[in-house]
N, C-alpha and C. Protein backbone atom coordinates (compact mmCIF):
# COMPACT_ATOMS: atom_id res chain seq x y z
N MET A 1 -100.69 -87.24 87.91
CA MET A 1 -100.30 -87.76 86.60
C MET A 1 -100.85 -89.17 86.42
N LYS A 2 -101.42 -89.43 85.26
CA LYS A 2 -101.95 -90.76 85.00
C LYS A 2 -100.83 -91.73 84.68
N THR A 3 -101.00 -92.97 85.08
CA THR A 3 -100.05 -94.02 84.73
C THR A 3 -100.84 -95.19 84.18
N GLY A 4 -100.15 -96.04 83.44
CA GLY A 4 -100.83 -97.17 82.84
C GLY A 4 -100.86 -98.38 83.74
N ASP A 5 -101.48 -99.42 83.26
CA ASP A 5 -101.60 -100.68 83.97
C ASP A 5 -100.42 -101.56 83.58
N ALA A 6 -99.69 -102.05 84.58
CA ALA A 6 -98.48 -102.83 84.32
C ALA A 6 -98.77 -104.12 83.57
N SER A 7 -100.04 -104.56 83.55
CA SER A 7 -100.38 -105.82 82.88
C SER A 7 -100.59 -105.62 81.38
N THR A 8 -100.48 -104.41 80.89
CA THR A 8 -100.72 -104.13 79.49
C THR A 8 -99.71 -104.86 78.61
N VAL A 9 -100.11 -105.17 77.36
CA VAL A 9 -99.23 -105.86 76.45
C VAL A 9 -98.00 -105.02 76.15
N THR A 10 -96.97 -105.66 75.62
CA THR A 10 -95.71 -104.98 75.37
C THR A 10 -95.83 -104.00 74.22
N LEU A 11 -94.85 -103.08 74.16
CA LEU A 11 -94.85 -102.09 73.09
C LEU A 11 -94.72 -102.75 71.73
N GLN A 12 -93.94 -103.82 71.64
CA GLN A 12 -93.78 -104.50 70.35
C GLN A 12 -95.12 -104.99 69.81
N CYS A 13 -96.02 -105.36 70.71
CA CYS A 13 -97.35 -105.80 70.27
C CYS A 13 -98.21 -104.62 69.85
N LEU A 14 -98.01 -103.49 70.50
CA LEU A 14 -98.84 -102.32 70.23
C LEU A 14 -98.44 -101.58 68.96
N LEU A 15 -97.17 -101.60 68.61
CA LEU A 15 -96.69 -100.78 67.49
C LEU A 15 -97.42 -101.07 66.17
N PRO A 16 -97.61 -102.32 65.77
CA PRO A 16 -98.34 -102.56 64.52
C PRO A 16 -99.77 -102.03 64.57
N GLU A 17 -100.42 -102.16 65.73
CA GLU A 17 -101.78 -101.63 65.87
C GLU A 17 -101.81 -100.11 65.75
N LEU A 18 -100.85 -99.47 66.39
CA LEU A 18 -100.77 -98.01 66.34
C LEU A 18 -100.60 -97.52 64.91
N ARG A 19 -99.68 -98.15 64.19
CA ARG A 19 -99.38 -97.72 62.83
C ARG A 19 -100.58 -97.93 61.90
N ALA A 20 -101.40 -98.92 62.21
CA ALA A 20 -102.53 -99.26 61.33
C ALA A 20 -103.83 -98.59 61.75
N CYS A 21 -103.80 -97.77 62.81
CA CYS A 21 -105.04 -97.20 63.34
C CYS A 21 -105.71 -96.27 62.32
N THR A 22 -106.99 -96.46 62.12
CA THR A 22 -107.79 -95.59 61.24
C THR A 22 -109.08 -95.16 61.94
N ALA A 23 -109.07 -95.17 63.28
CA ALA A 23 -110.30 -94.92 64.04
C ALA A 23 -110.92 -93.57 63.72
N CYS A 24 -110.09 -92.56 63.46
CA CYS A 24 -110.61 -91.21 63.21
C CYS A 24 -110.64 -90.83 61.74
N GLU A 25 -110.30 -91.75 60.85
CA GLU A 25 -110.07 -91.40 59.45
C GLU A 25 -111.22 -90.63 58.79
N PRO A 26 -112.49 -90.95 59.05
CA PRO A 26 -113.55 -90.19 58.38
C PRO A 26 -113.52 -88.69 58.68
N ALA A 27 -112.93 -88.31 59.82
CA ALA A 27 -112.90 -86.90 60.21
C ALA A 27 -111.58 -86.21 59.88
N LEU A 28 -110.65 -86.94 59.28
CA LEU A 28 -109.31 -86.38 59.04
C LEU A 28 -109.18 -85.88 57.60
N PRO A 29 -108.82 -84.62 57.38
CA PRO A 29 -108.78 -84.08 56.02
C PRO A 29 -107.74 -84.72 55.13
N LEU A 30 -106.64 -85.21 55.72
CA LEU A 30 -105.59 -85.85 54.92
C LEU A 30 -105.52 -87.35 55.15
N GLY A 31 -106.51 -87.90 55.82
CA GLY A 31 -106.52 -89.33 56.09
C GLY A 31 -105.70 -89.68 57.32
N ALA A 32 -105.77 -90.94 57.70
CA ALA A 32 -105.06 -91.42 58.88
C ALA A 32 -103.59 -91.66 58.57
N LYS A 33 -102.72 -91.11 59.39
CA LYS A 33 -101.28 -91.33 59.30
C LYS A 33 -100.69 -91.09 60.68
N PRO A 34 -100.75 -92.08 61.56
CA PRO A 34 -100.26 -91.91 62.92
C PRO A 34 -98.77 -91.54 62.95
N ILE A 35 -98.45 -90.49 63.69
CA ILE A 35 -97.08 -89.98 63.81
C ILE A 35 -96.66 -90.07 65.27
N PHE A 36 -95.61 -90.83 65.54
CA PHE A 36 -95.12 -90.97 66.91
C PHE A 36 -93.70 -91.54 66.86
N GLN A 37 -93.05 -91.57 68.03
CA GLN A 37 -91.71 -92.15 68.16
C GLN A 37 -91.68 -92.87 69.51
N LEU A 38 -91.52 -94.20 69.48
CA LEU A 38 -91.63 -94.97 70.71
C LEU A 38 -90.57 -96.06 70.81
N ASP A 39 -90.06 -96.22 72.00
CA ASP A 39 -89.16 -97.32 72.33
C ASP A 39 -89.27 -97.52 73.84
N SER A 40 -89.37 -98.75 74.28
CA SER A 40 -89.60 -99.02 75.70
C SER A 40 -88.42 -98.61 76.58
N ARG A 41 -87.26 -98.32 75.97
CA ARG A 41 -86.09 -97.90 76.76
C ARG A 41 -86.02 -96.40 76.99
N ALA A 42 -86.90 -95.63 76.40
CA ALA A 42 -86.84 -94.18 76.49
C ALA A 42 -87.04 -93.70 77.93
N PRO A 43 -86.15 -92.83 78.44
CA PRO A 43 -86.31 -92.30 79.79
C PRO A 43 -87.16 -91.03 79.85
N ILE A 44 -87.45 -90.42 78.69
CA ILE A 44 -88.18 -89.16 78.65
C ILE A 44 -89.33 -89.30 77.65
N LEU A 45 -90.51 -88.87 78.09
CA LEU A 45 -91.68 -88.86 77.22
C LEU A 45 -92.04 -87.42 76.88
N ILE A 46 -92.17 -87.13 75.59
CA ILE A 46 -92.71 -85.87 75.14
C ILE A 46 -94.18 -86.10 74.80
N ALA A 47 -95.05 -85.57 75.65
CA ALA A 47 -96.49 -85.70 75.45
C ALA A 47 -96.97 -84.43 74.76
N SER A 48 -97.11 -84.51 73.46
CA SER A 48 -97.44 -83.34 72.66
C SER A 48 -98.93 -83.34 72.32
N GLN A 49 -99.34 -82.48 71.39
CA GLN A 49 -100.77 -82.32 71.10
C GLN A 49 -101.23 -83.20 69.94
N ALA A 50 -100.86 -82.84 68.72
CA ALA A 50 -101.18 -83.63 67.53
C ALA A 50 -100.22 -83.19 66.43
N PRO A 51 -99.91 -84.06 65.49
CA PRO A 51 -99.00 -83.67 64.40
C PRO A 51 -99.60 -82.53 63.58
N GLY A 52 -98.74 -81.63 63.13
CA GLY A 52 -99.16 -80.61 62.19
C GLY A 52 -99.07 -81.11 60.76
N ARG A 53 -99.37 -80.25 59.82
CA ARG A 53 -99.33 -80.65 58.42
C ARG A 53 -97.92 -81.06 57.98
N VAL A 54 -96.92 -80.32 58.46
CA VAL A 54 -95.54 -80.65 58.07
C VAL A 54 -95.15 -82.02 58.60
N ALA A 55 -95.51 -82.30 59.86
CA ALA A 55 -95.22 -83.63 60.42
C ALA A 55 -95.92 -84.71 59.63
N HIS A 56 -97.16 -84.46 59.21
CA HIS A 56 -97.91 -85.42 58.40
C HIS A 56 -97.18 -85.69 57.09
N GLU A 57 -96.72 -84.62 56.44
CA GLU A 57 -96.05 -84.77 55.15
C GLU A 57 -94.71 -85.50 55.28
N LYS A 58 -93.96 -85.18 56.33
CA LYS A 58 -92.63 -85.77 56.51
C LYS A 58 -92.66 -87.11 57.24
N GLY A 59 -93.77 -87.39 57.94
CA GLY A 59 -93.86 -88.62 58.71
C GLY A 59 -92.98 -88.61 59.93
N ARG A 60 -92.69 -87.40 60.45
CA ARG A 60 -91.77 -87.26 61.58
C ARG A 60 -92.25 -86.13 62.48
N PRO A 61 -92.32 -86.35 63.80
CA PRO A 61 -92.80 -85.28 64.69
C PRO A 61 -91.77 -84.17 64.88
N PHE A 62 -92.25 -82.95 64.98
CA PHE A 62 -91.42 -81.79 65.33
C PHE A 62 -90.26 -81.55 64.36
N ASP A 63 -90.45 -81.87 63.10
CA ASP A 63 -89.41 -81.59 62.11
C ASP A 63 -89.74 -80.26 61.43
N ASP A 64 -89.80 -79.20 62.25
CA ASP A 64 -90.20 -77.88 61.76
C ASP A 64 -89.66 -76.82 62.71
N ALA A 65 -90.13 -75.58 62.58
CA ALA A 65 -89.64 -74.50 63.43
C ALA A 65 -89.97 -74.74 64.90
N SER A 66 -91.14 -75.32 65.17
CA SER A 66 -91.49 -75.64 66.56
C SER A 66 -90.51 -76.65 67.14
N GLY A 67 -90.13 -77.62 66.34
CA GLY A 67 -89.16 -78.62 66.80
C GLY A 67 -87.80 -78.02 67.05
N ASP A 68 -87.38 -77.08 66.20
CA ASP A 68 -86.09 -76.42 66.42
C ASP A 68 -86.08 -75.71 67.77
N ARG A 69 -87.18 -75.02 68.07
CA ARG A 69 -87.25 -74.33 69.37
C ARG A 69 -87.30 -75.33 70.52
N LEU A 70 -88.07 -76.40 70.36
CA LEU A 70 -88.16 -77.40 71.42
C LEU A 70 -86.79 -78.01 71.70
N ARG A 71 -86.03 -78.34 70.68
CA ARG A 71 -84.70 -78.91 70.89
C ARG A 71 -83.77 -77.92 71.57
N GLN A 72 -83.94 -76.62 71.25
CA GLN A 72 -83.15 -75.60 71.94
C GLN A 72 -83.55 -75.54 73.41
N TRP A 73 -84.83 -75.64 73.70
CA TRP A 73 -85.28 -75.67 75.10
C TRP A 73 -84.66 -76.85 75.84
N LEU A 74 -84.63 -78.01 75.19
CA LEU A 74 -84.14 -79.23 75.83
C LEU A 74 -82.62 -79.28 75.92
N GLY A 75 -81.94 -78.52 75.06
CA GLY A 75 -80.48 -78.56 75.03
C GLY A 75 -79.94 -79.82 74.41
N VAL A 76 -80.63 -80.35 73.37
CA VAL A 76 -80.20 -81.59 72.72
C VAL A 76 -80.09 -81.38 71.22
N SER A 77 -79.32 -82.23 70.58
CA SER A 77 -79.17 -82.20 69.13
C SER A 77 -80.34 -82.91 68.46
N ARG A 78 -80.48 -82.71 67.14
CA ARG A 78 -81.48 -83.46 66.38
C ARG A 78 -81.23 -84.96 66.50
N GLU A 79 -79.97 -85.35 66.47
CA GLU A 79 -79.63 -86.77 66.54
C GLU A 79 -80.16 -87.38 67.83
N THR A 80 -79.93 -86.71 68.94
CA THR A 80 -80.41 -87.22 70.22
C THR A 80 -81.92 -87.17 70.30
N PHE A 81 -82.51 -86.09 69.82
CA PHE A 81 -83.97 -85.92 69.87
C PHE A 81 -84.67 -87.04 69.10
N TYR A 82 -84.12 -87.43 67.97
CA TYR A 82 -84.77 -88.46 67.15
C TYR A 82 -84.24 -89.86 67.44
N ASP A 83 -83.51 -90.02 68.53
CA ASP A 83 -83.14 -91.34 69.01
C ASP A 83 -84.29 -91.83 69.89
N PRO A 84 -85.07 -92.82 69.47
CA PRO A 84 -86.23 -93.25 70.25
C PRO A 84 -85.87 -93.87 71.59
N THR A 85 -84.61 -94.26 71.77
CA THR A 85 -84.22 -94.78 73.07
C THR A 85 -83.87 -93.64 74.04
N CYS A 86 -83.89 -92.41 73.55
CA CYS A 86 -83.72 -91.23 74.41
C CYS A 86 -85.07 -90.56 74.67
N PHE A 87 -85.82 -90.32 73.59
CA PHE A 87 -87.10 -89.63 73.71
C PHE A 87 -88.23 -90.44 73.08
N ALA A 88 -89.26 -90.71 73.86
CA ALA A 88 -90.52 -91.19 73.30
C ALA A 88 -91.36 -89.95 73.00
N ILE A 89 -91.97 -89.91 71.83
CA ILE A 89 -92.83 -88.79 71.45
C ILE A 89 -94.20 -89.38 71.14
N PHE A 90 -95.17 -89.04 71.98
CA PHE A 90 -96.50 -89.63 71.83
C PHE A 90 -97.55 -88.55 72.04
N PRO A 91 -98.14 -88.04 70.95
CA PRO A 91 -99.10 -86.95 71.05
C PRO A 91 -100.46 -87.41 71.55
N MET A 92 -101.27 -86.44 71.97
CA MET A 92 -102.63 -86.74 72.41
C MET A 92 -103.48 -87.25 71.25
N GLY A 93 -103.23 -86.74 70.07
CA GLY A 93 -103.86 -87.24 68.85
C GLY A 93 -102.76 -87.66 67.89
N LEU A 94 -102.88 -88.84 67.32
CA LEU A 94 -101.78 -89.40 66.52
C LEU A 94 -101.73 -88.87 65.09
N CYS A 95 -102.82 -88.28 64.62
CA CYS A 95 -102.89 -87.85 63.22
C CYS A 95 -103.18 -86.36 63.12
N PHE A 96 -102.80 -85.77 61.99
CA PHE A 96 -103.09 -84.36 61.73
C PHE A 96 -104.60 -84.15 61.72
N PRO A 97 -105.13 -83.28 62.62
CA PRO A 97 -106.58 -83.14 62.72
C PRO A 97 -107.19 -82.15 61.75
N GLY A 98 -106.36 -81.36 61.07
CA GLY A 98 -106.87 -80.34 60.17
C GLY A 98 -106.64 -78.94 60.71
N LYS A 99 -106.91 -77.96 59.87
CA LYS A 99 -106.67 -76.56 60.22
C LYS A 99 -107.93 -75.93 60.80
N ALA A 100 -107.68 -75.01 61.75
CA ALA A 100 -108.75 -74.18 62.30
C ALA A 100 -108.55 -72.76 61.81
N ALA A 101 -109.39 -71.85 62.27
CA ALA A 101 -109.25 -70.45 61.86
C ALA A 101 -107.89 -69.89 62.29
N SER A 102 -107.43 -70.34 63.44
CA SER A 102 -106.11 -69.95 63.94
C SER A 102 -105.39 -71.19 64.42
N GLY A 103 -104.37 -71.61 63.71
CA GLY A 103 -103.66 -72.83 64.07
C GLY A 103 -104.38 -74.08 63.62
N ASP A 104 -104.04 -75.20 64.28
CA ASP A 104 -104.65 -76.49 63.94
C ASP A 104 -105.84 -76.77 64.84
N LEU A 105 -106.68 -77.69 64.38
CA LEU A 105 -107.78 -78.16 65.21
C LEU A 105 -107.25 -78.93 66.41
N PRO A 106 -108.06 -79.10 67.46
CA PRO A 106 -107.62 -79.90 68.62
C PRO A 106 -107.38 -81.35 68.22
N PRO A 107 -106.61 -82.08 69.01
CA PRO A 107 -106.46 -83.52 68.77
C PRO A 107 -107.83 -84.21 68.78
N ARG A 108 -107.98 -85.22 67.96
CA ARG A 108 -109.24 -85.96 67.95
C ARG A 108 -109.49 -86.61 69.31
N ARG A 109 -110.72 -86.50 69.81
CA ARG A 109 -111.03 -87.00 71.14
C ARG A 109 -111.02 -88.52 71.22
N GLU A 110 -111.17 -89.20 70.09
CA GLU A 110 -111.20 -90.66 70.10
C GLU A 110 -109.84 -91.27 70.44
N CYS A 111 -108.78 -90.52 70.22
CA CYS A 111 -107.44 -91.10 70.23
C CYS A 111 -106.95 -91.48 71.63
N ALA A 112 -106.99 -90.55 72.56
CA ALA A 112 -106.45 -90.82 73.89
C ALA A 112 -107.12 -92.01 74.59
N PRO A 113 -108.45 -92.12 74.59
CA PRO A 113 -109.07 -93.29 75.23
C PRO A 113 -108.65 -94.62 74.60
N LEU A 114 -108.38 -94.60 73.31
CA LEU A 114 -107.99 -95.83 72.63
C LEU A 114 -106.57 -96.28 73.00
N TRP A 115 -105.65 -95.33 73.10
CA TRP A 115 -104.24 -95.69 73.11
C TRP A 115 -103.43 -95.26 74.33
N ARG A 116 -103.82 -94.18 74.99
CA ARG A 116 -102.86 -93.54 75.90
C ARG A 116 -102.44 -94.42 77.08
N GLN A 117 -103.39 -94.99 77.77
CA GLN A 117 -103.03 -95.81 78.93
C GLN A 117 -102.18 -97.01 78.53
N ARG A 118 -102.55 -97.65 77.45
CA ARG A 118 -101.82 -98.85 77.03
C ARG A 118 -100.38 -98.53 76.64
N VAL A 119 -100.20 -97.42 75.91
CA VAL A 119 -98.84 -97.07 75.49
C VAL A 119 -97.99 -96.62 76.67
N LEU A 120 -98.54 -95.82 77.56
CA LEU A 120 -97.75 -95.37 78.71
C LEU A 120 -97.34 -96.54 79.60
N ALA A 121 -98.19 -97.54 79.70
CA ALA A 121 -97.84 -98.72 80.47
C ALA A 121 -96.69 -99.50 79.84
N ALA A 122 -96.48 -99.32 78.55
CA ALA A 122 -95.41 -100.02 77.83
C ALA A 122 -94.14 -99.20 77.75
N LEU A 123 -94.07 -98.12 78.52
CA LEU A 123 -92.86 -97.28 78.58
C LEU A 123 -92.35 -97.25 80.02
N PRO A 124 -91.82 -98.36 80.51
CA PRO A 124 -91.49 -98.48 81.94
C PRO A 124 -90.30 -97.64 82.39
N GLN A 125 -89.47 -97.19 81.46
CA GLN A 125 -88.27 -96.44 81.85
C GLN A 125 -88.50 -94.94 81.94
N VAL A 126 -89.66 -94.46 81.56
CA VAL A 126 -89.90 -93.02 81.57
C VAL A 126 -89.87 -92.48 83.00
N GLY A 127 -88.95 -91.53 83.22
CA GLY A 127 -88.84 -90.88 84.52
C GLY A 127 -89.16 -89.41 84.47
N LEU A 128 -89.33 -88.89 83.24
CA LEU A 128 -89.66 -87.48 83.06
C LEU A 128 -90.64 -87.36 81.89
N THR A 129 -91.77 -86.74 82.16
CA THR A 129 -92.77 -86.48 81.12
C THR A 129 -92.85 -84.99 80.88
N LEU A 130 -92.71 -84.59 79.62
CA LEU A 130 -92.83 -83.19 79.23
C LEU A 130 -94.18 -83.03 78.56
N ALA A 131 -95.12 -82.40 79.26
CA ALA A 131 -96.47 -82.20 78.74
C ALA A 131 -96.55 -80.85 78.05
N ILE A 132 -96.78 -80.88 76.73
CA ILE A 132 -96.70 -79.68 75.90
C ILE A 132 -98.08 -79.27 75.40
N GLY A 133 -98.51 -78.08 75.79
CA GLY A 133 -99.77 -77.55 75.29
C GLY A 133 -100.96 -77.96 76.14
N GLN A 134 -102.08 -77.27 75.93
CA GLN A 134 -103.23 -77.40 76.83
C GLN A 134 -103.83 -78.79 76.88
N TYR A 135 -103.86 -79.51 75.79
CA TYR A 135 -104.53 -80.82 75.79
C TYR A 135 -103.69 -81.87 76.51
N ALA A 136 -102.38 -81.85 76.30
CA ALA A 136 -101.50 -82.76 77.03
C ALA A 136 -101.48 -82.40 78.51
N LEU A 137 -101.47 -81.11 78.80
CA LEU A 137 -101.46 -80.67 80.20
C LEU A 137 -102.74 -81.12 80.91
N ALA A 138 -103.89 -80.96 80.27
CA ALA A 138 -105.15 -81.33 80.89
C ALA A 138 -105.19 -82.82 81.20
N TRP A 139 -104.68 -83.65 80.29
CA TRP A 139 -104.72 -85.10 80.50
C TRP A 139 -103.74 -85.54 81.57
N HIS A 140 -102.50 -85.06 81.48
CA HIS A 140 -101.46 -85.56 82.38
C HIS A 140 -101.53 -84.95 83.77
N LEU A 141 -102.01 -83.73 83.89
CA LEU A 141 -102.11 -83.11 85.20
C LEU A 141 -103.49 -83.26 85.82
N GLN A 142 -104.48 -83.62 85.00
CA GLN A 142 -105.85 -83.80 85.49
C GLN A 142 -106.33 -82.57 86.26
N ARG A 143 -106.08 -81.40 85.68
CA ARG A 143 -106.50 -80.14 86.31
C ARG A 143 -107.12 -79.22 85.27
N ARG A 144 -108.18 -78.55 85.67
CA ARG A 144 -108.79 -77.54 84.81
C ARG A 144 -108.16 -76.20 85.14
N ALA A 145 -107.21 -75.80 84.36
CA ALA A 145 -106.51 -74.53 84.58
C ALA A 145 -105.89 -74.10 83.26
N SER A 146 -105.55 -72.83 83.18
CA SER A 146 -104.94 -72.31 81.97
C SER A 146 -103.51 -72.82 81.82
N VAL A 147 -103.02 -72.78 80.58
CA VAL A 147 -101.61 -73.14 80.35
C VAL A 147 -100.71 -72.25 81.19
N ASP A 148 -101.04 -70.98 81.27
CA ASP A 148 -100.23 -70.04 82.04
C ASP A 148 -100.12 -70.48 83.50
N THR A 149 -101.24 -70.83 84.11
CA THR A 149 -101.24 -71.26 85.51
C THR A 149 -100.46 -72.55 85.70
N LEU A 150 -100.66 -73.51 84.82
CA LEU A 150 -99.99 -74.80 84.96
C LEU A 150 -98.49 -74.70 84.76
N VAL A 151 -98.07 -73.92 83.76
CA VAL A 151 -96.63 -73.78 83.52
C VAL A 151 -95.99 -72.99 84.65
N ALA A 152 -96.69 -71.99 85.19
CA ALA A 152 -96.15 -71.21 86.29
C ALA A 152 -95.91 -72.07 87.54
N GLY A 153 -96.65 -73.17 87.68
CA GLY A 153 -96.46 -74.08 88.80
C GLY A 153 -95.51 -75.21 88.51
N TRP A 154 -94.58 -75.00 87.61
CA TRP A 154 -93.71 -76.07 87.12
C TRP A 154 -92.87 -76.74 88.21
N ARG A 155 -92.46 -75.99 89.22
CA ARG A 155 -91.61 -76.58 90.26
C ARG A 155 -92.32 -77.72 90.99
N GLU A 156 -93.58 -77.50 91.33
CA GLU A 156 -94.36 -78.53 92.01
C GLU A 156 -94.47 -79.79 91.15
N HIS A 157 -94.71 -79.62 89.87
CA HIS A 157 -94.90 -80.77 88.99
C HIS A 157 -93.58 -81.48 88.68
N LEU A 158 -92.50 -80.72 88.54
CA LEU A 158 -91.21 -81.34 88.23
C LEU A 158 -90.78 -82.30 89.33
N ALA A 159 -91.13 -81.98 90.56
CA ALA A 159 -90.79 -82.87 91.67
C ALA A 159 -91.48 -84.22 91.54
N GLN A 160 -92.54 -84.27 90.74
CA GLN A 160 -93.27 -85.52 90.50
C GLN A 160 -92.92 -86.16 89.16
N GLY A 161 -91.89 -85.64 88.50
CA GLY A 161 -91.45 -86.22 87.24
C GLY A 161 -92.22 -85.75 86.03
N LEU A 162 -92.89 -84.59 86.14
CA LEU A 162 -93.65 -84.06 85.03
C LEU A 162 -93.40 -82.56 84.92
N LEU A 163 -93.11 -82.10 83.71
CA LEU A 163 -92.84 -80.68 83.51
C LEU A 163 -93.81 -80.12 82.48
N PRO A 164 -94.67 -79.17 82.87
CA PRO A 164 -95.60 -78.55 81.94
C PRO A 164 -94.91 -77.49 81.09
N LEU A 165 -95.20 -77.50 79.80
CA LEU A 165 -94.58 -76.55 78.87
C LEU A 165 -95.63 -75.97 77.93
N PRO A 166 -95.43 -74.73 77.51
CA PRO A 166 -96.28 -74.20 76.44
C PRO A 166 -95.85 -74.83 75.12
N HIS A 167 -96.66 -74.67 74.10
CA HIS A 167 -96.26 -75.18 72.80
C HIS A 167 -95.11 -74.31 72.26
N PRO A 168 -94.08 -74.92 71.66
CA PRO A 168 -92.96 -74.14 71.15
C PRO A 168 -93.23 -73.47 69.81
N SER A 169 -94.46 -73.38 69.40
CA SER A 169 -94.82 -72.75 68.13
C SER A 169 -94.36 -71.30 68.08
N PRO A 170 -93.94 -70.82 66.92
CA PRO A 170 -93.62 -69.39 66.77
C PRO A 170 -94.79 -68.49 67.15
N ARG A 171 -96.02 -69.01 67.10
CA ARG A 171 -97.18 -68.21 67.49
C ARG A 171 -97.14 -67.81 68.97
N ASN A 172 -96.36 -68.54 69.76
CA ASN A 172 -96.29 -68.26 71.19
C ASN A 172 -95.14 -67.33 71.56
N GLN A 173 -94.56 -66.66 70.58
CA GLN A 173 -93.43 -65.78 70.85
C GLN A 173 -93.81 -64.68 71.86
N GLY A 174 -95.00 -64.12 71.73
CA GLY A 174 -95.44 -63.08 72.66
C GLY A 174 -95.58 -63.60 74.07
N TRP A 175 -96.14 -64.81 74.22
CA TRP A 175 -96.28 -65.42 75.54
C TRP A 175 -94.92 -65.58 76.20
N LEU A 176 -93.95 -66.04 75.46
CA LEU A 176 -92.61 -66.25 75.99
C LEU A 176 -91.94 -64.92 76.35
N ARG A 177 -92.12 -63.94 75.50
CA ARG A 177 -91.50 -62.64 75.75
C ARG A 177 -92.04 -61.99 77.02
N ASP A 178 -93.32 -62.19 77.29
CA ASP A 178 -93.95 -61.56 78.44
C ASP A 178 -93.69 -62.30 79.75
N ARG A 179 -93.03 -63.44 79.69
CA ARG A 179 -92.74 -64.24 80.89
C ARG A 179 -91.26 -64.56 80.94
N PRO A 180 -90.43 -63.60 81.31
CA PRO A 180 -88.97 -63.81 81.31
C PRO A 180 -88.52 -64.93 82.24
N TRP A 181 -89.34 -65.27 83.24
CA TRP A 181 -88.99 -66.36 84.14
C TRP A 181 -88.91 -67.71 83.42
N PHE A 182 -89.63 -67.82 82.29
CA PHE A 182 -89.60 -69.09 81.57
C PHE A 182 -88.18 -69.40 81.10
N GLU A 183 -87.53 -68.42 80.48
CA GLU A 183 -86.17 -68.64 79.99
C GLU A 183 -85.15 -68.60 81.12
N ALA A 184 -85.37 -67.74 82.09
CA ALA A 184 -84.38 -67.55 83.15
C ALA A 184 -84.40 -68.66 84.20
N GLU A 185 -85.58 -69.24 84.46
CA GLU A 185 -85.70 -70.21 85.54
C GLU A 185 -86.13 -71.60 85.08
N LEU A 186 -87.18 -71.67 84.26
CA LEU A 186 -87.68 -72.99 83.87
C LEU A 186 -86.74 -73.71 82.92
N LEU A 187 -86.24 -73.01 81.90
CA LEU A 187 -85.41 -73.70 80.91
C LEU A 187 -84.13 -74.30 81.50
N PRO A 188 -83.40 -73.61 82.38
CA PRO A 188 -82.23 -74.26 82.98
C PRO A 188 -82.62 -75.53 83.76
N ALA A 189 -83.75 -75.49 84.47
CA ALA A 189 -84.19 -76.68 85.20
C ALA A 189 -84.58 -77.80 84.24
N LEU A 190 -85.22 -77.43 83.13
CA LEU A 190 -85.58 -78.41 82.11
C LEU A 190 -84.33 -79.09 81.55
N ARG A 191 -83.35 -78.30 81.17
CA ARG A 191 -82.13 -78.88 80.59
C ARG A 191 -81.40 -79.77 81.59
N GLU A 192 -81.38 -79.36 82.83
CA GLU A 192 -80.73 -80.19 83.85
C GLU A 192 -81.47 -81.52 84.02
N ALA A 193 -82.80 -81.47 84.06
CA ALA A 193 -83.58 -82.69 84.22
C ALA A 193 -83.39 -83.62 83.03
N VAL A 194 -83.36 -83.06 81.82
CA VAL A 194 -83.14 -83.87 80.62
C VAL A 194 -81.76 -84.50 80.65
N ALA A 195 -80.74 -83.72 80.97
CA ALA A 195 -79.37 -84.23 81.00
C ALA A 195 -79.21 -85.34 82.03
N GLN A 196 -79.85 -85.20 83.17
CA GLN A 196 -79.76 -86.23 84.21
C GLN A 196 -80.32 -87.55 83.72
N ARG A 197 -81.40 -87.50 83.00
CA ARG A 197 -82.04 -88.74 82.58
C ARG A 197 -81.42 -89.35 81.33
N LEU A 198 -80.78 -88.54 80.52
CA LEU A 198 -80.12 -89.09 79.33
C LEU A 198 -78.74 -89.64 79.63
N GLY A 199 -78.10 -89.15 80.68
CA GLY A 199 -76.79 -89.65 81.03
C GLY A 199 -75.66 -88.88 80.39
N PRO A 200 -74.45 -89.44 80.37
CA PRO A 200 -73.27 -88.73 79.86
C PRO A 200 -73.46 -88.23 78.44
N PRO A 201 -72.87 -87.08 78.12
CA PRO A 201 -73.01 -86.53 76.76
C PRO A 201 -72.61 -87.49 75.66
N ALA A 202 -71.56 -88.27 75.88
CA ALA A 202 -71.11 -89.20 74.84
C ALA A 202 -72.19 -90.23 74.55
N ARG A 203 -72.87 -90.66 75.59
CA ARG A 203 -73.93 -91.65 75.40
C ARG A 203 -75.14 -91.02 74.73
N ARG A 204 -75.40 -89.75 75.04
CA ARG A 204 -76.55 -89.07 74.45
C ARG A 204 -76.40 -88.92 72.94
N GLY A 205 -75.16 -88.82 72.47
CA GLY A 205 -74.95 -88.58 71.06
C GLY A 205 -75.01 -89.82 70.20
N ALA A 206 -75.03 -90.98 70.83
CA ALA A 206 -75.01 -92.23 70.07
C ALA A 206 -76.43 -92.70 69.79
N VAL A 207 -76.76 -92.87 68.53
CA VAL A 207 -78.09 -93.36 68.16
C VAL A 207 -78.09 -94.88 68.23
N ARG A 208 -78.94 -95.41 69.12
CA ARG A 208 -79.03 -96.85 69.25
C ARG A 208 -80.14 -97.41 68.38
N GLN A 209 -80.08 -98.68 68.07
CA GLN A 209 -81.08 -99.27 67.18
C GLN A 209 -82.44 -99.31 67.86
N PRO A 210 -83.48 -98.80 67.21
CA PRO A 210 -84.82 -98.84 67.80
C PRO A 210 -85.36 -100.25 67.84
N GLU A 211 -86.34 -100.44 68.72
CA GLU A 211 -87.02 -101.72 68.79
C GLU A 211 -87.83 -101.96 67.52
N ARG A 212 -87.92 -103.17 67.11
CA ARG A 212 -88.69 -103.53 65.92
C ARG A 212 -89.94 -104.29 66.34
N ALA A 213 -91.01 -104.01 65.65
CA ALA A 213 -92.26 -104.71 65.95
C ALA A 213 -92.19 -106.14 65.43
């Protein structure tokens, strides 16, 4: 798993730059609109792929059917999920990349080299990283393997504070159905790991004030 350089500037310094980023704008069908959720106190990082069209329109990650499934996997409420002091959400590409023949286009390649190391270095409390989908898995695990292979090896990775996950998109319903071990074995371990890092249920339900740039 990659980690950042501890000498990197603070998250408060990075947030205005992130919000103003237009590095990929000429290639973006709807223009640049970075979508993320960050707070240096977050104990869990959701490393996702790139915002979809709905996230672009709403300005909020995972506010769709995929997000509903992801929250069910995690065993958390919307309130807890959108508390940035509980979950940092930082995709491989910050902006909606456009549609492909099937699903969305891959995250823009320019994004991760620009931002990923610096932002991860500014999240010192993260003890669990949830890598969702092939692009996040490839970056965080640094392995050339299929999503199926990487997710099947989840026990080895969880011991290192990283849990590989398929994308919670409804398009993956068949993948999930054909792998009953995912629901029977991986999801209980995922929920336990999330609960351990978030702390008591009463604390998980309280939305704390996010950091301001």
